[in-house]
Amino acid sequence: MCGVTDTPHADQVRNHARWRPGWYAGRTSYAWLLPLATQPGLRNLVNEYQYALRDLPGFDLVPLEWMHVLLQEVGFTDEVDEDRIDPLLAAARERLSSTPPLTLAFHHAVVLPESLALPAEPQTNVRELRTAVRGATAEITGEASLPPEPEDVDQHVSLAHSTTEGPAIFAIATLNGTVVEPITAKVDSLSLVRLNRDHSCSEWETIAEVPLGG
């Protein structure tokens, strides 16, 4: 049934297409993320929302192949030695060997300052996994060299990114008027990727996957 998520809608949106500190065209970063493109229920849910959003101006839809939840950036690939990748993977496998696969629920989409997104619930599970991944990464790279933890926006799966600035009233009305059913997704691994932000959404190539629960 239609309703409003516990995450409040933003009243205003701003353009998502801007370079974050340290980023420029062609630069890549190692990052941990939950890839979600193969989740059939989530794909269907995103399709329903994106169909409703197809004529809404001011937003670029995110291709299904790039659906994800970002957990932790490791560092720019031109600053992290490649010989640290195998120890990083080993530390993550050891730290996550007792972490069971995640069951995440997705239902009502929400307007965030730079995107329209589906919160991953319970968000406490995502935060706990992020803490474990950050700890494993710090063992290898050192806490001082770790990038800051991602913003709360990264506990969501993005449906569309804002391409303009202004009030969010029409986006809110579109999302609240879209009738969808909740779905659950079981995530049994996370990926270490080489991430780039050259285009309107994050894209990556997978370096390795680490299973949850060994």
N, C-alpha and C. Protein backbone atom coordinates (compact mmCIF):
# COMPACT_ATOMS: atom_id res chain seq x y z
N MET A 1 0.84 -1.19 0.00
CA MET A 1 0.00 0.00 0.00
C MET A 1 0.87 1.24 0.00
N CYS A 2 0.29 2.34 -0.39
CA CYS A 2 1.05 3.58 -0.49
C CYS A 2 1.23 4.18 0.89
N GLY A 3 2.39 4.84 1.10
CA GLY A 3 2.63 5.45 2.39
C GLY A 3 3.94 6.20 2.38
N VAL A 4 4.39 6.59 3.57
CA VAL A 4 5.59 7.39 3.68
C VAL A 4 6.60 6.66 4.55
N THR A 5 7.83 6.57 4.09
CA THR A 5 8.88 5.91 4.85
C THR A 5 9.20 6.69 6.12
N ASP A 6 9.84 6.03 7.08
CA ASP A 6 10.26 6.70 8.31
C ASP A 6 11.32 7.77 8.01
N THR A 7 12.06 7.60 6.91
CA THR A 7 13.03 8.62 6.52
C THR A 7 12.27 9.81 5.94
N PRO A 8 12.44 11.01 6.48
CA PRO A 8 11.67 12.15 5.98
C PRO A 8 12.12 12.59 4.60
N HIS A 9 11.16 13.08 3.81
CA HIS A 9 11.50 13.66 2.51
C HIS A 9 12.25 14.97 2.69
N ALA A 10 13.22 15.22 1.82
CA ALA A 10 13.85 16.54 1.75
C ALA A 10 12.88 17.51 1.08
N ASP A 11 12.86 18.75 1.52
CA ASP A 11 12.00 19.76 0.92
C ASP A 11 12.57 20.33 -0.37
N GLN A 12 13.91 20.30 -0.48
CA GLN A 12 14.60 20.85 -1.64
C GLN A 12 15.59 19.82 -2.17
N VAL A 13 15.88 19.90 -3.46
CA VAL A 13 16.91 19.05 -4.05
C VAL A 13 17.98 19.94 -4.68
N ARG A 14 19.19 19.36 -4.82
CA ARG A 14 20.29 20.06 -5.46
C ARG A 14 20.93 19.13 -6.48
N ASN A 15 21.70 19.70 -7.38
CA ASN A 15 22.31 18.94 -8.46
C ASN A 15 23.31 17.93 -7.92
N HIS A 16 23.13 16.68 -8.30
CA HIS A 16 24.03 15.60 -7.85
C HIS A 16 25.37 15.65 -8.57
N ALA A 17 25.39 16.20 -9.78
CA ALA A 17 26.57 16.14 -10.63
C ALA A 17 27.59 17.20 -10.23
N ARG A 18 28.41 16.85 -9.25
CA ARG A 18 29.50 17.73 -8.83
C ARG A 18 30.64 16.84 -8.33
N TRP A 19 31.85 17.32 -8.44
CA TRP A 19 33.00 16.54 -7.99
C TRP A 19 33.15 16.64 -6.47
N ARG A 20 33.27 15.49 -5.82
CA ARG A 20 33.57 15.46 -4.39
C ARG A 20 35.06 15.72 -4.19
N PRO A 21 35.47 16.06 -2.96
CA PRO A 21 36.89 16.37 -2.72
C PRO A 21 37.82 15.25 -3.19
N GLY A 22 38.82 15.63 -3.96
CA GLY A 22 39.81 14.67 -4.44
C GLY A 22 39.46 14.00 -5.74
N TRP A 23 38.21 14.07 -6.17
CA TRP A 23 37.78 13.39 -7.39
C TRP A 23 37.97 14.30 -8.60
N TYR A 24 38.30 13.67 -9.74
CA TYR A 24 38.31 14.36 -11.03
C TYR A 24 38.14 13.29 -12.10
N ALA A 25 37.91 13.73 -13.32
CA ALA A 25 37.65 12.80 -14.42
C ALA A 25 38.79 11.80 -14.58
N GLY A 26 38.43 10.53 -14.65
CA GLY A 26 39.41 9.47 -14.83
C GLY A 26 39.98 8.89 -13.55
N ARG A 27 39.75 9.54 -12.41
CA ARG A 27 40.30 9.03 -11.15
C ARG A 27 39.36 7.96 -10.59
N THR A 28 39.95 6.93 -10.00
CA THR A 28 39.17 5.84 -9.43
C THR A 28 39.55 5.60 -7.97
N SER A 29 38.65 4.89 -7.29
CA SER A 29 38.86 4.61 -5.87
C SER A 29 38.51 3.16 -5.59
N TYR A 30 39.26 2.54 -4.68
CA TYR A 30 38.84 1.25 -4.16
C TYR A 30 37.71 1.48 -3.17
N ALA A 31 36.71 0.61 -3.20
CA ALA A 31 35.56 0.77 -2.31
C ALA A 31 34.91 -0.57 -2.04
N TRP A 32 34.29 -0.66 -0.88
CA TRP A 32 33.47 -1.81 -0.52
C TRP A 32 32.00 -1.43 -0.76
N LEU A 33 31.26 -2.33 -1.40
CA LEU A 33 29.83 -2.05 -1.59
C LEU A 33 29.04 -3.35 -1.63
N LEU A 34 27.74 -3.19 -1.46
CA LEU A 34 26.79 -4.30 -1.62
C LEU A 34 26.20 -4.17 -3.02
N PRO A 35 26.56 -5.04 -3.96
CA PRO A 35 25.96 -4.99 -5.29
C PRO A 35 24.57 -5.63 -5.26
N LEU A 36 23.59 -4.97 -5.85
CA LEU A 36 22.21 -5.42 -5.72
C LEU A 36 21.51 -5.62 -7.06
N ALA A 37 22.27 -5.56 -8.15
CA ALA A 37 21.65 -5.63 -9.47
C ALA A 37 21.01 -6.98 -9.77
N THR A 38 21.44 -8.03 -9.08
CA THR A 38 20.92 -9.37 -9.37
C THR A 38 19.73 -9.74 -8.51
N GLN A 39 19.25 -8.82 -7.69
CA GLN A 39 18.11 -9.11 -6.81
C GLN A 39 16.80 -8.90 -7.60
N PRO A 40 16.09 -9.98 -7.95
CA PRO A 40 14.92 -9.83 -8.83
C PRO A 40 13.80 -9.00 -8.22
N GLY A 41 13.51 -9.18 -6.93
CA GLY A 41 12.45 -8.41 -6.30
C GLY A 41 12.77 -6.93 -6.29
N LEU A 42 14.02 -6.60 -6.00
CA LEU A 42 14.43 -5.20 -5.98
C LEU A 42 14.39 -4.61 -7.38
N ARG A 43 14.80 -5.37 -8.36
CA ARG A 43 14.74 -4.88 -9.74
C ARG A 43 13.30 -4.53 -10.13
N ASN A 44 12.37 -5.39 -9.74
CA ASN A 44 10.96 -5.13 -10.06
C ASN A 44 10.46 -3.88 -9.36
N LEU A 45 10.83 -3.73 -8.09
CA LEU A 45 10.40 -2.55 -7.33
C LEU A 45 10.97 -1.27 -7.95
N VAL A 46 12.26 -1.30 -8.29
CA VAL A 46 12.88 -0.13 -8.91
C VAL A 46 12.23 0.17 -10.25
N ASN A 47 11.93 -0.86 -11.01
CA ASN A 47 11.25 -0.65 -12.30
C ASN A 47 9.91 0.06 -12.12
N GLU A 48 9.15 -0.34 -11.09
CA GLU A 48 7.86 0.29 -10.85
C GLU A 48 8.02 1.78 -10.55
N TYR A 49 8.96 2.09 -9.69
CA TYR A 49 9.19 3.50 -9.36
C TYR A 49 9.73 4.27 -10.56
N GLN A 50 10.67 3.69 -11.27
CA GLN A 50 11.26 4.41 -12.39
C GLN A 50 10.25 4.62 -13.52
N TYR A 51 9.32 3.71 -13.67
CA TYR A 51 8.25 3.93 -14.67
C TYR A 51 7.41 5.14 -14.28
N ALA A 52 7.10 5.26 -12.98
CA ALA A 52 6.32 6.41 -12.51
C ALA A 52 7.11 7.71 -12.65
N LEU A 53 8.43 7.61 -12.59
CA LEU A 53 9.29 8.80 -12.64
C LEU A 53 9.72 9.18 -14.05
N ARG A 54 9.30 8.42 -15.05
CA ARG A 54 9.85 8.58 -16.40
C ARG A 54 9.62 9.97 -16.97
N ASP A 55 8.54 10.65 -16.60
CA ASP A 55 8.24 11.96 -17.16
C ASP A 55 8.52 13.10 -16.17
N LEU A 56 9.13 12.78 -15.02
CA LEU A 56 9.42 13.82 -14.03
C LEU A 56 10.70 14.55 -14.43
N PRO A 57 10.63 15.84 -14.71
CA PRO A 57 11.84 16.55 -15.12
C PRO A 57 12.79 16.76 -13.94
N GLY A 58 14.07 16.92 -14.27
CA GLY A 58 15.05 17.25 -13.24
C GLY A 58 15.71 16.07 -12.58
N PHE A 59 15.51 14.84 -13.12
CA PHE A 59 16.12 13.66 -12.52
C PHE A 59 16.60 12.70 -13.61
N ASP A 60 17.79 12.12 -13.38
CA ASP A 60 18.32 11.06 -14.24
C ASP A 60 18.12 9.72 -13.55
N LEU A 61 17.47 8.79 -14.23
CA LEU A 61 17.25 7.47 -13.66
C LEU A 61 18.57 6.69 -13.59
N VAL A 62 18.76 5.93 -12.53
CA VAL A 62 19.97 5.12 -12.35
C VAL A 62 19.76 3.77 -13.02
N PRO A 63 20.62 3.35 -13.94
CA PRO A 63 20.48 2.03 -14.56
C PRO A 63 20.49 0.91 -13.52
N LEU A 64 19.68 -0.12 -13.76
CA LEU A 64 19.56 -1.21 -12.80
C LEU A 64 20.91 -1.88 -12.51
N GLU A 65 21.79 -1.91 -13.49
CA GLU A 65 23.06 -2.62 -13.31
C GLU A 65 23.95 -1.97 -12.25
N TRP A 66 23.67 -0.72 -11.90
CA TRP A 66 24.51 -0.02 -10.93
C TRP A 66 23.83 0.15 -9.57
N MET A 67 22.80 -0.64 -9.30
CA MET A 67 22.15 -0.58 -7.98
C MET A 67 23.11 -1.11 -6.92
N HIS A 68 23.26 -0.37 -5.82
CA HIS A 68 24.19 -0.78 -4.78
C HIS A 68 23.95 0.01 -3.51
N VAL A 69 24.57 -0.44 -2.44
CA VAL A 69 24.72 0.34 -1.21
C VAL A 69 26.21 0.48 -0.96
N LEU A 70 26.72 1.70 -0.93
CA LEU A 70 28.14 1.93 -0.66
C LEU A 70 28.40 1.76 0.84
N LEU A 71 29.39 0.94 1.17
CA LEU A 71 29.73 0.71 2.57
C LEU A 71 30.91 1.56 3.03
N GLN A 72 32.00 1.53 2.27
CA GLN A 72 33.20 2.23 2.71
C GLN A 72 34.17 2.39 1.54
N GLU A 73 34.63 3.61 1.32
CA GLU A 73 35.71 3.81 0.37
C GLU A 73 37.04 3.52 1.07
N VAL A 74 37.95 2.90 0.33
CA VAL A 74 39.24 2.50 0.88
C VAL A 74 40.29 3.57 0.63
N GLY A 75 40.27 4.16 -0.56
CA GLY A 75 41.24 5.17 -0.93
C GLY A 75 41.40 5.20 -2.43
N PHE A 76 41.92 6.30 -2.95
CA PHE A 76 42.12 6.41 -4.39
C PHE A 76 43.14 5.38 -4.86
N THR A 77 42.89 4.82 -6.04
CA THR A 77 43.75 3.74 -6.53
C THR A 77 45.17 4.21 -6.81
N ASP A 78 45.37 5.51 -7.01
CA ASP A 78 46.73 6.01 -7.22
C ASP A 78 47.44 6.32 -5.90
N GLU A 79 46.75 6.05 -4.79
CA GLU A 79 47.36 6.28 -3.47
C GLU A 79 47.44 5.01 -2.62
N VAL A 80 46.73 3.96 -3.01
CA VAL A 80 46.75 2.70 -2.27
C VAL A 80 47.57 1.69 -3.06
N ASP A 81 48.64 1.18 -2.47
CA ASP A 81 49.50 0.21 -3.16
C ASP A 81 48.72 -1.07 -3.45
N GLU A 82 48.93 -1.61 -4.64
CA GLU A 82 48.22 -2.84 -5.03
C GLU A 82 48.58 -4.01 -4.12
N ASP A 83 49.79 -3.98 -3.51
CA ASP A 83 50.17 -5.10 -2.66
C ASP A 83 49.38 -5.14 -1.36
N ARG A 84 48.54 -4.14 -1.13
CA ARG A 84 47.68 -4.16 0.06
C ARG A 84 46.32 -4.81 -0.21
N ILE A 85 46.03 -5.10 -1.47
CA ILE A 85 44.70 -5.62 -1.79
C ILE A 85 44.48 -7.03 -1.22
N ASP A 86 45.45 -7.93 -1.40
CA ASP A 86 45.28 -9.29 -0.86
C ASP A 86 45.17 -9.28 0.66
N PRO A 87 46.03 -8.57 1.40
CA PRO A 87 45.85 -8.49 2.85
C PRO A 87 44.50 -7.86 3.24
N LEU A 88 44.03 -6.89 2.45
CA LEU A 88 42.74 -6.27 2.72
C LEU A 88 41.61 -7.28 2.59
N LEU A 89 41.65 -8.07 1.55
CA LEU A 89 40.63 -9.10 1.36
C LEU A 89 40.69 -10.15 2.47
N ALA A 90 41.90 -10.53 2.87
CA ALA A 90 42.05 -11.52 3.94
C ALA A 90 41.50 -10.98 5.25
N ALA A 91 41.77 -9.72 5.56
CA ALA A 91 41.27 -9.13 6.80
C ALA A 91 39.74 -9.06 6.78
N ALA A 92 39.17 -8.74 5.63
CA ALA A 92 37.71 -8.66 5.53
C ALA A 92 37.08 -10.05 5.68
N ARG A 93 37.69 -11.06 5.05
CA ARG A 93 37.14 -12.41 5.16
C ARG A 93 37.17 -12.88 6.61
N GLU A 94 38.25 -12.59 7.31
CA GLU A 94 38.33 -13.01 8.72
C GLU A 94 37.31 -12.25 9.56
N ARG A 95 37.20 -10.94 9.37
CA ARG A 95 36.30 -10.12 10.18
C ARG A 95 34.83 -10.47 9.92
N LEU A 96 34.51 -10.87 8.68
CA LEU A 96 33.11 -11.11 8.31
C LEU A 96 32.72 -12.58 8.34
N SER A 97 33.65 -13.44 8.78
CA SER A 97 33.35 -14.88 8.78
C SER A 97 32.22 -15.24 9.72
N SER A 98 31.98 -14.44 10.74
CA SER A 98 30.89 -14.70 11.68
C SER A 98 29.69 -13.78 11.47
N THR A 99 29.73 -12.98 10.40
CA THR A 99 28.61 -12.09 10.10
C THR A 99 27.65 -12.79 9.15
N PRO A 100 26.41 -13.03 9.56
CA PRO A 100 25.49 -13.76 8.68
C PRO A 100 25.05 -12.92 7.49
N PRO A 101 24.57 -13.57 6.43
CA PRO A 101 24.02 -12.81 5.30
C PRO A 101 22.94 -11.83 5.76
N LEU A 102 22.82 -10.73 5.05
CA LEU A 102 21.84 -9.71 5.40
C LEU A 102 20.51 -9.97 4.71
N THR A 103 19.43 -9.76 5.44
CA THR A 103 18.11 -9.70 4.83
C THR A 103 17.63 -8.27 4.96
N LEU A 104 17.51 -7.58 3.83
CA LEU A 104 17.14 -6.17 3.82
C LEU A 104 15.78 -6.00 3.17
N ALA A 105 14.99 -5.10 3.73
CA ALA A 105 13.67 -4.80 3.19
C ALA A 105 13.69 -3.45 2.48
N PHE A 106 12.94 -3.35 1.40
CA PHE A 106 12.80 -2.10 0.64
C PHE A 106 11.32 -1.89 0.36
N HIS A 107 10.85 -0.65 0.53
CA HIS A 107 9.44 -0.39 0.28
C HIS A 107 9.26 1.02 -0.28
N HIS A 108 9.01 1.99 0.61
CA HIS A 108 8.68 3.33 0.17
C HIS A 108 9.93 4.14 -0.17
N ALA A 109 9.93 4.75 -1.34
CA ALA A 109 11.04 5.60 -1.75
C ALA A 109 10.93 6.97 -1.09
N VAL A 110 12.06 7.65 -1.02
CA VAL A 110 12.13 8.93 -0.32
C VAL A 110 12.95 9.91 -1.14
N VAL A 111 12.63 11.19 -1.00
CA VAL A 111 13.41 12.25 -1.63
C VAL A 111 14.55 12.63 -0.70
N LEU A 112 15.78 12.50 -1.18
CA LEU A 112 16.97 12.94 -0.46
C LEU A 112 17.49 14.21 -1.14
N PRO A 113 18.43 14.90 -0.52
CA PRO A 113 18.87 16.17 -1.11
C PRO A 113 19.39 16.08 -2.54
N GLU A 114 19.96 14.92 -2.93
CA GLU A 114 20.50 14.81 -4.28
C GLU A 114 19.93 13.64 -5.07
N SER A 115 18.98 12.90 -4.48
CA SER A 115 18.50 11.72 -5.18
C SER A 115 17.12 11.30 -4.69
N LEU A 116 16.50 10.41 -5.45
CA LEU A 116 15.31 9.70 -5.03
C LEU A 116 15.77 8.28 -4.75
N ALA A 117 15.45 7.74 -3.59
CA ALA A 117 16.11 6.52 -3.16
C ALA A 117 15.21 5.63 -2.32
N LEU A 118 15.60 4.36 -2.24
CA LEU A 118 14.92 3.36 -1.42
C LEU A 118 15.77 3.07 -0.19
N PRO A 119 15.30 3.40 1.01
CA PRO A 119 16.06 3.06 2.22
C PRO A 119 16.18 1.54 2.38
N ALA A 120 17.35 1.09 2.79
CA ALA A 120 17.57 -0.32 3.11
C ALA A 120 17.27 -0.50 4.59
N GLU A 121 16.28 -1.33 4.89
CA GLU A 121 15.86 -1.53 6.27
C GLU A 121 16.14 -2.96 6.72
N PRO A 122 16.52 -3.17 8.00
CA PRO A 122 16.80 -2.13 8.99
C PRO A 122 18.17 -1.49 8.73
N GLN A 123 18.23 -0.18 8.83
CA GLN A 123 19.47 0.52 8.54
C GLN A 123 20.55 0.20 9.57
N THR A 124 20.14 -0.25 10.76
CA THR A 124 21.13 -0.66 11.76
C THR A 124 21.99 -1.80 11.24
N ASN A 125 21.41 -2.72 10.45
CA ASN A 125 22.19 -3.82 9.90
C ASN A 125 23.26 -3.34 8.94
N VAL A 126 22.90 -2.33 8.13
CA VAL A 126 23.87 -1.77 7.20
C VAL A 126 24.98 -1.06 7.97
N ARG A 127 24.62 -0.33 9.01
CA ARG A 127 25.63 0.38 9.81
C ARG A 127 26.57 -0.59 10.50
N GLU A 128 26.03 -1.70 11.03
CA GLU A 128 26.87 -2.69 11.70
C GLU A 128 27.85 -3.33 10.71
N LEU A 129 27.36 -3.64 9.51
CA LEU A 129 28.25 -4.21 8.50
C LEU A 129 29.32 -3.20 8.12
N ARG A 130 28.93 -1.94 7.97
CA ARG A 130 29.89 -0.89 7.63
C ARG A 130 30.98 -0.77 8.70
N THR A 131 30.58 -0.87 9.97
CA THR A 131 31.55 -0.79 11.05
C THR A 131 32.57 -1.92 10.96
N ALA A 132 32.08 -3.13 10.66
CA ALA A 132 32.99 -4.27 10.53
C ALA A 132 33.93 -4.10 9.35
N VAL A 133 33.40 -3.63 8.23
CA VAL A 133 34.23 -3.44 7.03
C VAL A 133 35.25 -2.34 7.26
N ARG A 134 34.83 -1.27 7.92
CA ARG A 134 35.77 -0.18 8.20
C ARG A 134 36.90 -0.66 9.12
N GLY A 135 36.54 -1.48 10.11
CA GLY A 135 37.56 -2.02 11.00
C GLY A 135 38.56 -2.89 10.28
N ALA A 136 38.07 -3.75 9.38
CA ALA A 136 38.97 -4.62 8.62
C ALA A 136 39.88 -3.80 7.71
N THR A 137 39.32 -2.76 7.12
CA THR A 137 40.11 -1.91 6.22
C THR A 137 41.19 -1.15 7.00
N ALA A 138 40.83 -0.66 8.17
CA ALA A 138 41.78 0.10 8.99
C ALA A 138 42.95 -0.76 9.43
N GLU A 139 42.74 -2.07 9.59
CA GLU A 139 43.84 -2.97 9.95
C GLU A 139 44.95 -2.92 8.92
N ILE A 140 44.60 -2.70 7.67
CA ILE A 140 45.57 -2.76 6.57
C ILE A 140 46.07 -1.38 6.17
N THR A 141 45.16 -0.43 6.08
CA THR A 141 45.55 0.89 5.57
C THR A 141 45.89 1.87 6.68
N GLY A 142 45.44 1.57 7.91
CA GLY A 142 45.60 2.51 9.00
C GLY A 142 44.39 3.43 9.10
N GLU A 143 43.92 3.66 10.30
CA GLU A 143 42.72 4.48 10.52
C GLU A 143 42.89 5.89 9.97
N ALA A 144 44.08 6.45 10.10
CA ALA A 144 44.28 7.85 9.71
C ALA A 144 44.13 8.06 8.21
N SER A 145 44.40 7.03 7.41
CA SER A 145 44.34 7.19 5.96
C SER A 145 42.99 6.83 5.36
N LEU A 146 42.06 6.34 6.19
CA LEU A 146 40.74 5.97 5.68
C LEU A 146 39.94 7.21 5.29
N PRO A 147 39.24 7.16 4.17
CA PRO A 147 38.31 8.25 3.85
C PRO A 147 37.21 8.31 4.89
N PRO A 148 36.54 9.45 5.04
CA PRO A 148 35.44 9.56 5.99
C PRO A 148 34.35 8.53 5.68
N GLU A 149 33.60 8.16 6.70
CA GLU A 149 32.48 7.25 6.48
C GLU A 149 31.47 7.92 5.55
N PRO A 150 30.83 7.13 4.67
CA PRO A 150 29.85 7.72 3.76
C PRO A 150 28.71 8.40 4.51
N GLU A 151 28.04 9.33 3.82
CA GLU A 151 26.89 10.00 4.41
C GLU A 151 25.71 9.03 4.48
N ASP A 152 24.66 9.43 5.21
CA ASP A 152 23.49 8.56 5.36
C ASP A 152 22.87 8.18 4.03
N VAL A 153 23.08 9.01 3.01
CA VAL A 153 22.52 8.70 1.69
C VAL A 153 22.95 7.32 1.22
N ASP A 154 24.10 6.85 1.69
CA ASP A 154 24.63 5.57 1.24
C ASP A 154 24.04 4.38 1.99
N GLN A 155 23.00 4.61 2.77
CA GLN A 155 22.22 3.51 3.32
C GLN A 155 20.95 3.30 2.49
N HIS A 156 20.98 3.81 1.27
CA HIS A 156 19.86 3.75 0.36
C HIS A 156 20.31 3.25 -1.01
N VAL A 157 19.36 2.75 -1.77
CA VAL A 157 19.60 2.42 -3.17
C VAL A 157 19.00 3.54 -4.01
N SER A 158 19.82 4.19 -4.81
CA SER A 158 19.35 5.34 -5.59
C SER A 158 18.51 4.90 -6.78
N LEU A 159 17.36 5.56 -6.95
CA LEU A 159 16.50 5.36 -8.12
C LEU A 159 16.83 6.37 -9.21
N ALA A 160 17.11 7.60 -8.79
CA ALA A 160 17.38 8.69 -9.73
C ALA A 160 18.19 9.76 -9.02
N HIS A 161 18.99 10.48 -9.79
CA HIS A 161 19.78 11.57 -9.24
C HIS A 161 19.25 12.90 -9.75
N SER A 162 19.26 13.89 -8.89
CA SER A 162 18.77 15.21 -9.25
C SER A 162 19.74 15.89 -10.20
N THR A 163 19.20 16.56 -11.21
CA THR A 163 20.02 17.30 -12.16
C THR A 163 19.80 18.80 -12.05
N THR A 164 19.08 19.23 -11.03
CA THR A 164 18.76 20.64 -10.90
C THR A 164 18.62 20.99 -9.43
N GLU A 165 18.27 22.24 -9.15
CA GLU A 165 18.01 22.69 -7.79
C GLU A 165 16.61 23.26 -7.72
N GLY A 166 15.95 23.01 -6.58
CA GLY A 166 14.61 23.56 -6.43
C GLY A 166 13.76 22.76 -5.48
N PRO A 167 12.47 23.09 -5.38
CA PRO A 167 11.57 22.39 -4.47
C PRO A 167 11.33 20.95 -4.90
N ALA A 168 11.10 20.10 -3.93
CA ALA A 168 10.92 18.67 -4.20
C ALA A 168 9.46 18.25 -4.24
N ILE A 169 8.54 19.20 -4.27
CA ILE A 169 7.11 18.89 -4.10
C ILE A 169 6.60 17.90 -5.15
N PHE A 170 7.03 18.03 -6.41
CA PHE A 170 6.51 17.14 -7.44
C PHE A 170 7.12 15.75 -7.32
N ALA A 171 8.37 15.68 -6.93
CA ALA A 171 8.99 14.37 -6.70
C ALA A 171 8.32 13.65 -5.53
N ILE A 172 8.05 14.39 -4.46
CA ILE A 172 7.38 13.80 -3.30
C ILE A 172 6.00 13.27 -3.70
N ALA A 173 5.26 14.07 -4.47
CA ALA A 173 3.93 13.65 -4.89
C ALA A 173 3.99 12.40 -5.76
N THR A 174 4.98 12.32 -6.63
CA THR A 174 5.11 11.15 -7.51
C THR A 174 5.43 9.90 -6.71
N LEU A 175 6.36 10.01 -5.79
CA LEU A 175 6.74 8.84 -4.98
C LEU A 175 5.59 8.39 -4.09
N ASN A 176 4.94 9.35 -3.42
CA ASN A 176 3.85 8.99 -2.52
C ASN A 176 2.64 8.46 -3.26
N GLY A 177 2.51 8.82 -4.53
CA GLY A 177 1.37 8.36 -5.32
C GLY A 177 1.62 7.05 -6.05
N THR A 178 2.79 6.47 -5.89
CA THR A 178 3.12 5.21 -6.56
C THR A 178 2.85 4.05 -5.61
N VAL A 179 1.92 3.19 -5.98
CA VAL A 179 1.53 2.07 -5.13
C VAL A 179 2.46 0.88 -5.40
N VAL A 180 3.18 0.46 -4.38
CA VAL A 180 4.13 -0.65 -4.51
C VAL A 180 3.99 -1.58 -3.32
N GLU A 181 4.49 -2.79 -3.49
CA GLU A 181 4.52 -3.77 -2.41
C GLU A 181 5.95 -3.88 -1.88
N PRO A 182 6.11 -4.10 -0.58
CA PRO A 182 7.47 -4.25 -0.03
C PRO A 182 8.13 -5.52 -0.52
N ILE A 183 9.45 -5.49 -0.60
CA ILE A 183 10.21 -6.69 -1.00
C ILE A 183 11.37 -6.87 -0.03
N THR A 184 11.92 -8.05 0.00
CA THR A 184 13.13 -8.32 0.78
C THR A 184 14.20 -8.86 -0.14
N ALA A 185 15.44 -8.59 0.22
CA ALA A 185 16.58 -9.07 -0.56
C ALA A 185 17.57 -9.71 0.41
N LYS A 186 18.04 -10.89 0.07
CA LYS A 186 19.06 -11.55 0.87
C LYS A 186 20.41 -11.33 0.22
N VAL A 187 21.31 -10.71 0.96
CA VAL A 187 22.63 -10.35 0.43
C VAL A 187 23.66 -11.21 1.15
N ASP A 188 24.36 -12.06 0.40
CA ASP A 188 25.27 -13.01 1.04
C ASP A 188 26.75 -12.70 0.80
N SER A 189 27.04 -11.56 0.17
CA SER A 189 28.44 -11.18 -0.02
C SER A 189 28.53 -9.68 -0.27
N LEU A 190 29.73 -9.16 -0.12
CA LEU A 190 30.00 -7.79 -0.50
C LEU A 190 31.17 -7.80 -1.46
N SER A 191 31.36 -6.69 -2.16
CA SER A 191 32.38 -6.63 -3.21
C SER A 191 33.39 -5.53 -2.93
N LEU A 192 34.66 -5.85 -3.21
CA LEU A 192 35.68 -4.81 -3.31
C LEU A 192 35.76 -4.43 -4.77
N VAL A 193 35.60 -3.14 -5.06
CA VAL A 193 35.51 -2.70 -6.45
C VAL A 193 36.48 -1.55 -6.71
N ARG A 194 36.70 -1.31 -8.00
CA ARG A 194 37.40 -0.11 -8.46
C ARG A 194 36.32 0.82 -9.00
N LEU A 195 36.06 1.89 -8.26
CA LEU A 195 34.89 2.75 -8.48
C LEU A 195 35.29 4.00 -9.26
N ASN A 196 34.42 4.40 -10.19
CA ASN A 196 34.63 5.68 -10.86
C ASN A 196 33.33 6.49 -10.83
N ARG A 197 33.47 7.80 -10.89
CA ARG A 197 32.33 8.70 -10.84
C ARG A 197 32.35 9.67 -12.03
N ASP A 198 32.78 9.17 -13.17
CA ASP A 198 32.89 10.02 -14.35
C ASP A 198 31.53 10.36 -14.96
N HIS A 199 30.53 9.56 -14.67
CA HIS A 199 29.22 9.75 -15.28
C HIS A 199 28.19 10.13 -14.22
N SER A 200 26.92 10.07 -14.57
CA SER A 200 25.88 10.58 -13.66
C SER A 200 25.67 9.69 -12.45
N CYS A 201 26.15 8.44 -12.50
CA CYS A 201 26.04 7.56 -11.34
C CYS A 201 27.35 6.81 -11.17
N SER A 202 27.56 6.25 -9.99
CA SER A 202 28.78 5.49 -9.73
C SER A 202 28.79 4.22 -10.58
N GLU A 203 29.95 3.91 -11.16
CA GLU A 203 30.16 2.69 -11.92
C GLU A 203 31.42 2.03 -11.40
N TRP A 204 31.56 0.73 -11.65
CA TRP A 204 32.71 0.04 -11.08
C TRP A 204 33.03 -1.24 -11.83
N GLU A 205 34.24 -1.75 -11.54
CA GLU A 205 34.61 -3.10 -11.92
C GLU A 205 34.94 -3.85 -10.64
N THR A 206 34.47 -5.08 -10.54
CA THR A 206 34.65 -5.87 -9.32
C THR A 206 36.04 -6.48 -9.27
N ILE A 207 36.71 -6.31 -8.14
CA ILE A 207 38.02 -6.91 -7.93
C ILE A 207 37.87 -8.28 -7.28
N ALA A 208 37.02 -8.37 -6.25
CA ALA A 208 36.80 -9.64 -5.54
C ALA A 208 35.53 -9.52 -4.71
N GLU A 209 34.95 -10.67 -4.41
CA GLU A 209 33.79 -10.74 -3.53
C GLU A 209 34.20 -11.44 -2.22
N VAL A 210 33.61 -10.97 -1.13
CA VAL A 210 33.86 -11.57 0.18
C VAL A 210 32.53 -12.07 0.72
N PRO A 211 32.42 -13.37 1.01
CA PRO A 211 31.14 -13.89 1.50
C PRO A 211 30.87 -13.47 2.95
N LEU A 212 29.62 -13.33 3.27
CA LEU A 212 29.20 -13.11 4.64
C LEU A 212 28.95 -14.46 5.29
N GLY A 213 29.46 -14.62 6.50
CA GLY A 213 29.30 -15.90 7.18
C GLY A 213 30.26 -16.96 6.73
N GLY A 214 31.37 -16.54 6.11
CA GLY A 214 32.38 -17.50 5.68
C GLY A 214 32.04 -18.19 4.38
